[in-house]
């Protein structure tokens, strides 16, 4: 009995927001997609780590929660009938006959495709723990968290947020009217977040809605039996301060692990895949990369940048999927949305 092999135009590795928009862009150019993701559901980090996190830089939306964004992107892919292979990781990538690719997964799925589009975000991701002794003891009971899936879980709680990037600032803005108190700890009085968000944060601090504990850094945790009672902070000149807390939200970024992608022979730069910024093609012909995993000079790690890269990659891949066929570009307002290609 011959093995079951799926045949398609494009195999997308990663079902996060950029991968989902890649389905749309490919569909608009009559390219069929199979999508592989290690998570059991679509959405990547947006769905798995922070579905209720507000996002402010999606064109046309003054604010949209990450989970809602995934719902809208999923709706946008529906006319093109993508085939998902979820809960499995790509374990092998081989070039077969006539330059086509064979993708194999941890679940034994085999996909034959003309091109591969890597939209794997951070690859396999996990939180960077702050260097605080005994922090693991408070993780099991939720005293220390690295993500927020439901704002309501923090209603009425004393929340300390540690970090100075977008996640820390955005969650402070989101939780001040839900939590009993919000204190944001950062080692500097400058934040690596959108200027408008930082302006809102400082106004809330002036209004007494939350407190900026700066310049301070985490020094220790207090509690018993895995239940957090307080966060100990320390100023740069060694002055300690105790912050009573039920929950510490530590936002120190994600540890990135490319996993099997690292063995595919693609040119890399510090855990990122190097691509041609005009086409998003990698050093291997027929393999493209978009989103956070892709790197080129001037790269901005924004979802909207990934959306643009999805469009550029789709147009570049068209010539591989349909060799010799001219691509007549039309705006979606003119062409409409084509029906599924089967």
Protein backbone atom coordinates (compact mmCIF):
# COMPACT_ATOMS: atom_id res chain seq x y z
CA UNK A 1 0.00 0.00 0.00
CA UNK A 2 1.51 3.34 -1.02
CA UNK A 3 1.97 6.02 1.61
CA UNK A 4 -0.49 8.90 1.78
CA UNK A 5 1.07 12.12 0.50
CA UNK A 6 -0.71 15.46 0.41
CA UNK A 7 -0.08 17.53 -2.73
CA UNK A 8 -0.36 21.30 -2.67
CA UNK A 9 1.19 24.49 -4.00
CA UNK A 10 2.47 25.99 -0.75
CA UNK A 11 3.29 24.46 2.62
CA UNK A 12 3.20 27.12 5.32
CA UNK A 13 5.11 26.32 8.51
CA UNK A 14 3.39 28.26 11.28
CA UNK A 15 -0.26 29.22 11.83
CA UNK A 16 0.28 32.49 13.67
CA UNK A 17 -1.13 35.80 12.38
CA UNK A 18 1.48 36.17 9.64
CA UNK A 19 1.06 32.58 8.48
CA UNK A 20 -2.72 33.05 8.35
CA UNK A 21 -2.38 36.19 6.26
CA UNK A 22 0.01 34.24 4.05
CA UNK A 23 -2.88 31.86 3.28
CA UNK A 24 -4.98 34.82 2.15
CA UNK A 25 -2.24 36.31 -0.04
CA UNK A 26 -1.52 32.93 -1.63
CA UNK A 27 -5.22 32.31 -2.16
CA UNK A 28 -5.63 35.61 -3.94
CA UNK A 29 -3.05 34.32 -6.44
CA UNK A 30 -4.74 30.92 -6.85
CA UNK A 31 -2.21 29.02 -4.74
CA UNK A 32 -3.45 26.26 -2.45
CA UNK A 33 -2.00 25.97 1.06
CA UNK A 34 -1.38 23.26 3.64
CA UNK A 35 -0.36 24.63 7.04
CA UNK A 36 1.65 22.90 9.78
CA UNK A 37 1.85 24.14 13.37
CA UNK A 38 3.16 22.57 16.57
CA UNK A 39 0.27 24.02 18.59
CA UNK A 40 -3.13 22.34 18.71
CA UNK A 41 -4.93 25.42 17.41
CA UNK A 42 -4.23 28.29 15.04
CA UNK A 43 -3.06 31.71 16.19
CA UNK A 44 0.46 31.14 17.47
CA UNK A 45 1.51 33.29 20.41
CA UNK A 46 -1.51 35.57 19.98
CA UNK A 47 -3.88 32.72 20.79
CA UNK A 48 -1.71 30.60 23.08
CA UNK A 49 -0.06 33.25 25.25
CA UNK A 50 -2.12 36.43 25.28
CA UNK A 51 -5.51 36.23 23.54
CA UNK A 52 -6.81 39.20 25.55
CA UNK A 53 -3.75 41.39 25.03
CA UNK A 54 -4.70 44.60 23.21
CA UNK A 55 -2.86 45.38 19.97
CA UNK A 56 -2.82 49.02 18.85
CA UNK A 57 -0.88 49.04 15.57
CA UNK A 58 -3.12 47.02 13.24
CA UNK A 59 -4.32 49.34 10.44
CA UNK A 60 -8.04 50.09 10.70
CA UNK A 61 -8.30 49.05 14.37
CA UNK A 62 -7.63 51.60 17.10
CA UNK A 63 -7.44 48.57 19.39
CA UNK A 64 -8.04 44.87 18.86
CA UNK A 65 -7.42 41.97 21.24
CA UNK A 66 -4.96 39.37 19.95
CA UNK A 67 -7.57 36.60 20.04
CA UNK A 68 -10.04 38.69 18.07
CA UNK A 69 -7.38 39.46 15.48
CA UNK A 70 -6.86 35.73 14.97
CA UNK A 71 -10.62 35.24 14.54
CA UNK A 72 -10.70 37.91 11.82
CA UNK A 73 -7.67 36.47 10.03
CA UNK A 74 -9.20 32.98 10.20
CA UNK A 75 -12.38 34.34 8.64
CA UNK A 76 -10.31 35.93 5.87
CA UNK A 77 -8.76 32.55 4.94
CA UNK A 78 -12.06 30.66 4.72
CA UNK A 79 -12.70 31.17 0.96
CA UNK A 80 -9.40 29.42 0.18
CA UNK A 81 -10.04 26.27 2.24
CA UNK A 82 -6.58 25.81 3.77
CA UNK A 83 -5.74 22.37 5.12
CA UNK A 84 -4.31 22.43 8.67
CA UNK A 85 -1.99 19.86 10.25
CA UNK A 86 -2.00 20.98 13.89
CA UNK A 87 -0.27 19.58 16.94
CA UNK A 88 2.71 18.44 14.87
CA UNK A 89 6.15 19.80 14.11
CA UNK A 90 7.99 19.75 10.81
CA UNK A 91 10.84 17.29 11.28
CA UNK A 92 12.26 17.04 7.77
CA UNK A 93 12.47 19.13 4.62
CA UNK A 94 13.79 17.47 1.48
CA UNK A 95 13.87 18.42 -2.17
CA UNK A 96 12.35 15.79 -4.42
CA UNK A 97 11.53 15.39 -8.08
CA UNK A 98 11.34 18.37 -10.45
CA UNK A 99 12.53 20.72 -7.72
CA UNK A 100 9.45 20.17 -5.54
CA UNK A 101 9.69 19.86 -1.77
CA UNK A 102 8.73 17.04 0.61
CA UNK A 103 7.75 18.17 4.10
CA UNK A 104 7.45 15.56 6.87
CA UNK A 105 6.07 16.06 10.36
CA UNK A 106 6.32 14.47 13.78
CA UNK A 107 2.87 12.91 13.21
CA UNK A 108 4.00 11.19 10.02
CA UNK A 109 2.24 13.66 7.70
CA UNK A 110 3.90 14.01 4.30
CA UNK A 111 3.30 17.04 2.10
CA UNK A 112 4.52 17.48 -1.46
CA UNK A 113 4.65 21.16 -2.44
CA UNK A 114 6.17 23.57 -4.94
CA UNK A 115 7.35 26.05 -2.30
CA UNK A 116 7.74 26.24 1.47
CA UNK A 117 6.83 29.38 3.42
CA UNK A 118 8.28 29.52 6.93
CA UNK A 119 6.17 31.72 9.22
CA UNK A 120 7.20 30.12 12.48
CA UNK A 121 7.43 33.29 14.56
CA UNK A 122 9.95 32.67 17.33
CA UNK A 123 10.14 28.98 16.52
CA UNK A 124 9.63 26.96 19.68
CA UNK A 125 9.18 29.59 22.36
CA UNK A 126 9.28 29.81 26.13
CA UNK A 127 9.57 32.66 28.63
CA UNK A 128 12.83 34.14 29.81
CA UNK A 129 12.78 33.83 33.59
CA UNK A 130 14.17 36.76 35.56
CA UNK A 131 17.24 35.78 37.63
CA UNK A 132 15.42 35.64 40.97
CA UNK A 133 16.23 32.85 43.41
CA UNK A 134 13.36 30.44 44.08
CA UNK A 135 11.04 31.87 41.42
CA UNK A 136 9.97 28.40 40.25
CA UNK A 137 8.31 27.72 43.62
CA UNK A 138 5.69 30.41 42.91
CA UNK A 139 4.88 29.44 39.32
CA UNK A 140 2.67 26.40 39.99
CA UNK A 141 0.03 28.34 41.96
CA UNK A 142 0.00 31.32 39.60
CA UNK A 143 1.89 33.73 41.82
CA UNK A 144 4.43 34.22 39.05
CA UNK A 145 3.16 34.30 35.48
CA UNK A 146 4.70 34.98 32.11
CA UNK A 147 1.47 35.51 30.19
CA UNK A 148 -2.14 36.55 30.74
CA UNK A 149 -4.90 34.64 29.01
CA UNK A 150 -7.87 36.20 30.88
CA UNK A 151 -7.95 39.65 32.43
CA UNK A 152 -10.70 38.52 34.78
CA UNK A 153 -8.30 36.11 36.47
CA UNK A 154 -6.54 39.17 37.89
CA UNK A 155 -9.60 41.08 39.03
CA UNK A 156 -9.14 42.39 42.57
CA UNK A 157 -5.54 41.18 42.83
CA UNK A 158 -2.44 43.16 43.71
CA UNK A 159 -0.36 42.95 40.53
CA UNK A 160 3.32 43.73 40.09
CA UNK A 161 4.52 43.86 36.48
CA UNK A 162 8.22 43.58 35.70
CA UNK A 163 9.64 44.66 32.35
CA UNK A 164 10.03 47.67 30.10
CA UNK A 165 8.78 46.55 26.70
CA UNK A 166 5.45 46.52 24.90
CA UNK A 167 4.03 43.58 26.86
CA UNK A 168 4.73 45.17 30.23
CA UNK A 169 3.33 48.55 29.22
CA UNK A 170 0.29 47.13 27.38
CA UNK A 171 -0.72 44.92 30.31
CA UNK A 172 -0.33 47.80 32.76
CA UNK A 173 -2.72 49.80 30.56
CA UNK A 174 -5.11 46.86 30.35
CA UNK A 175 -5.17 45.87 34.03
CA UNK A 176 -5.23 49.11 35.99
CA UNK A 177 -9.03 49.18 36.11
CA UNK A 178 -9.35 45.45 36.85
CA UNK A 179 -6.68 44.75 39.46
CA UNK A 180 -6.75 46.05 43.02
CA UNK A 181 -3.41 47.70 42.30
CA UNK A 182 -0.80 47.75 39.53
CA UNK A 183 2.87 48.55 40.06
CA UNK A 184 5.25 48.47 37.10
CA UNK A 185 8.89 47.75 37.93
CA UNK A 186 11.63 48.68 35.47
CA UNK A 187 15.33 49.38 35.87
CA UNK A 188 15.04 52.60 33.86
CA UNK A 189 12.54 55.42 33.59
CA UNK A 190 12.37 54.78 29.83
CA UNK A 191 10.19 52.14 28.20
CA UNK A 192 10.67 50.26 24.92
CA UNK A 193 7.04 50.60 23.85
CA UNK A 194 4.90 52.63 21.48
CA UNK A 195 5.17 56.34 22.39
CA UNK A 196 1.40 56.74 22.63
CA UNK A 197 1.20 53.79 25.03
CA UNK A 198 3.99 55.22 27.18
CA UNK A 199 2.20 58.58 27.26
CA UNK A 200 -1.00 56.88 28.49
CA UNK A 201 1.02 54.95 31.08
CA UNK A 202 2.57 58.10 32.50
CA UNK A 203 -0.78 59.87 32.61
CA UNK A 204 -2.30 56.98 34.57
CA UNK A 205 0.67 57.19 36.97
CA UNK A 206 0.13 60.93 37.43
CA UNK A 207 -3.56 60.29 38.09
CA UNK A 208 -2.68 57.70 40.75
CA UNK A 209 -4.27 54.83 38.82
CA UNK A 210 -1.05 52.82 38.85
CA UNK A 211 2.52 53.23 40.12
CA UNK A 212 5.79 53.28 38.22
CA UNK A 213 8.50 51.75 40.39
CA UNK A 214 11.58 53.09 38.58
CA UNK A 215 14.49 52.78 38.48
CA UNK A 216 14.20 49.48 40.36
CA UNK A 217 14.77 45.83 39.55
CA UNK A 218 13.57 42.52 40.98
CA UNK A 219 15.59 41.32 43.98
CA UNK A 220 13.48 38.57 45.57
CA UNK A 221 10.08 37.05 46.26
CA UNK A 222 8.35 36.52 49.61
CA UNK A 223 5.65 33.99 50.44
CA UNK A 224 4.99 30.52 51.76
CA UNK A 225 3.72 27.21 50.38
CA UNK A 226 4.01 28.53 46.84
CA UNK A 227 1.72 31.49 47.53
CA UNK A 228 3.20 34.89 46.69
CA UNK A 229 2.92 37.64 49.31
CA UNK A 230 5.36 40.30 48.18
CA UNK A 231 7.95 41.23 45.58
CA UNK A 232 11.24 42.67 46.80
CA UNK A 233 12.79 45.27 44.53
CA UNK A 234 16.07 47.11 44.73
CA UNK A 235 17.15 50.47 43.36
CA UNK A 236 20.37 50.86 41.40
CA UNK A 237 22.10 52.17 44.53
CA UNK A 238 20.99 49.19 46.63
CA UNK A 239 17.93 50.55 48.41
CA UNK A 240 15.38 47.75 48.92
CA UNK A 241 11.62 48.20 48.68
CA UNK A 242 8.86 45.68 49.38
CA UNK A 243 5.78 45.59 47.11
CA UNK A 244 2.84 43.63 48.49
CA UNK A 245 1.57 41.42 45.68
CA UNK A 246 -0.63 38.48 44.80
CA UNK A 247 0.77 38.10 41.28
CA UNK A 248 4.04 38.95 39.55
CA UNK A 249 3.81 39.27 35.77
CA UNK A 250 7.35 38.92 34.43
CA UNK A 251 7.74 40.12 30.85
CA UNK A 252 11.36 39.56 29.90
CA UNK A 253 10.76 38.31 26.40
CA UNK A 254 10.71 34.82 24.92
CA UNK A 255 13.57 32.38 24.54
CA UNK A 256 13.78 31.45 20.87
CA UNK A 257 14.61 27.95 19.66
CA UNK A 258 14.50 27.23 15.93
CA UNK A 259 14.28 23.49 16.56
CA UNK A 260 14.51 21.39 13.36
CA UNK A 261 14.52 24.55 11.20
CA UNK A 262 18.12 25.06 12.31
CA UNK A 263 19.09 21.87 10.42
CA UNK A 264 17.50 22.77 7.09
CA UNK A 265 20.66 24.38 5.73
CA UNK A 266 19.21 27.90 5.58
CA UNK A 267 21.51 30.87 6.14
CA UNK A 268 20.96 32.10 9.71
CA UNK A 269 21.79 35.15 11.77
CA UNK A 270 21.43 34.66 15.53
CA UNK A 271 18.42 32.34 15.43
CA UNK A 272 16.79 34.17 12.55
CA UNK A 273 16.50 33.12 8.91
CA UNK A 274 18.16 35.49 6.45
CA UNK A 275 15.97 36.46 3.50
CA UNK A 276 16.04 38.69 0.45
CA UNK A 277 13.95 41.72 1.53
CA UNK A 278 12.46 42.07 -1.97
CA UNK A 279 11.10 38.51 -2.17
CA UNK A 280 11.52 36.99 1.32
CA UNK A 281 13.29 34.02 -0.29
CA UNK A 282 15.90 32.35 1.90
CA UNK A 283 19.35 31.18 0.84
CA UNK A 284 17.64 28.00 -0.42
CA UNK A 285 15.70 28.47 -3.65
CA UNK A 286 12.02 27.69 -3.22
CA UNK A 287 12.02 28.23 0.56
CA UNK A 288 10.71 31.57 1.83
CA UNK A 289 10.42 33.05 5.34
CA UNK A 290 8.26 35.83 6.75
CA UNK A 291 7.39 37.32 10.12
CA UNK A 292 9.53 37.37 13.25
CA UNK A 293 11.70 34.46 12.14
CA UNK A 294 12.86 36.33 9.00
CA UNK A 295 15.70 38.83 9.07
CA UNK A 296 17.11 41.43 6.69
CA UNK A 297 18.69 44.90 7.14
CA UNK A 298 16.18 47.35 8.57
CA UNK A 299 13.75 44.63 9.66
CA UNK A 300 10.98 45.79 12.02
CA UNK A 301 9.48 43.07 14.22
CA UNK A 302 5.87 44.14 13.82
CA UNK A 303 2.83 42.10 12.79
CA UNK A 304 2.09 44.62 10.05
CA UNK A 305 5.63 44.12 8.67
CA UNK A 306 4.92 40.38 8.56
CA UNK A 307 1.70 41.05 6.66
CA UNK A 308 3.63 43.03 4.05
CA UNK A 309 6.21 40.25 3.79
CA UNK A 310 3.41 37.72 3.23
CA UNK A 311 2.24 39.70 0.21
CA UNK A 312 5.76 40.04 -1.21
CA UNK A 313 6.50 36.36 -0.70
CA UNK A 314 3.22 35.29 -2.33
CA UNK A 315 3.99 37.31 -5.45
CA UNK A 316 7.51 35.87 -5.59
CA UNK A 317 6.25 32.31 -5.08
CA UNK A 318 3.70 32.64 -7.89
CA UNK A 319 6.48 32.32 -10.47
CA UNK A 320 7.59 29.04 -8.89
CA UNK A 321 4.09 27.58 -8.62
CA UNK A 322 3.09 28.74 -12.12
CA UNK A 323 6.35 28.88 -14.09
CA UNK A 324 6.09 30.79 -17.32
CA UNK A 325 2.71 32.32 -16.45
CA UNK A 326 2.63 36.11 -16.26
CA UNK A 327 1.22 37.57 -13.06
CA UNK A 328 -1.23 40.34 -13.83
CA UNK A 329 -1.52 42.26 -10.58
CA UNK A 330 -4.96 43.54 -9.61
CA UNK A 331 -6.12 45.26 -6.44
CA UNK A 332 -8.53 43.24 -4.33
CA UNK A 333 -11.19 45.92 -4.83
CA UNK A 334 -11.03 45.13 -8.55
CA UNK A 335 -10.41 41.38 -8.54
CA UNK A 336 -12.56 40.50 -5.55
CA UNK A 337 -11.87 37.31 -3.61
CA UNK A 338 -11.54 34.25 -5.84
CA UNK A 339 -13.24 31.00 -4.89
CA UNK A 340 -11.24 28.15 -3.34
CA UNK A 341 -8.88 26.45 -5.75
CA UNK A 342 -9.61 22.96 -4.44
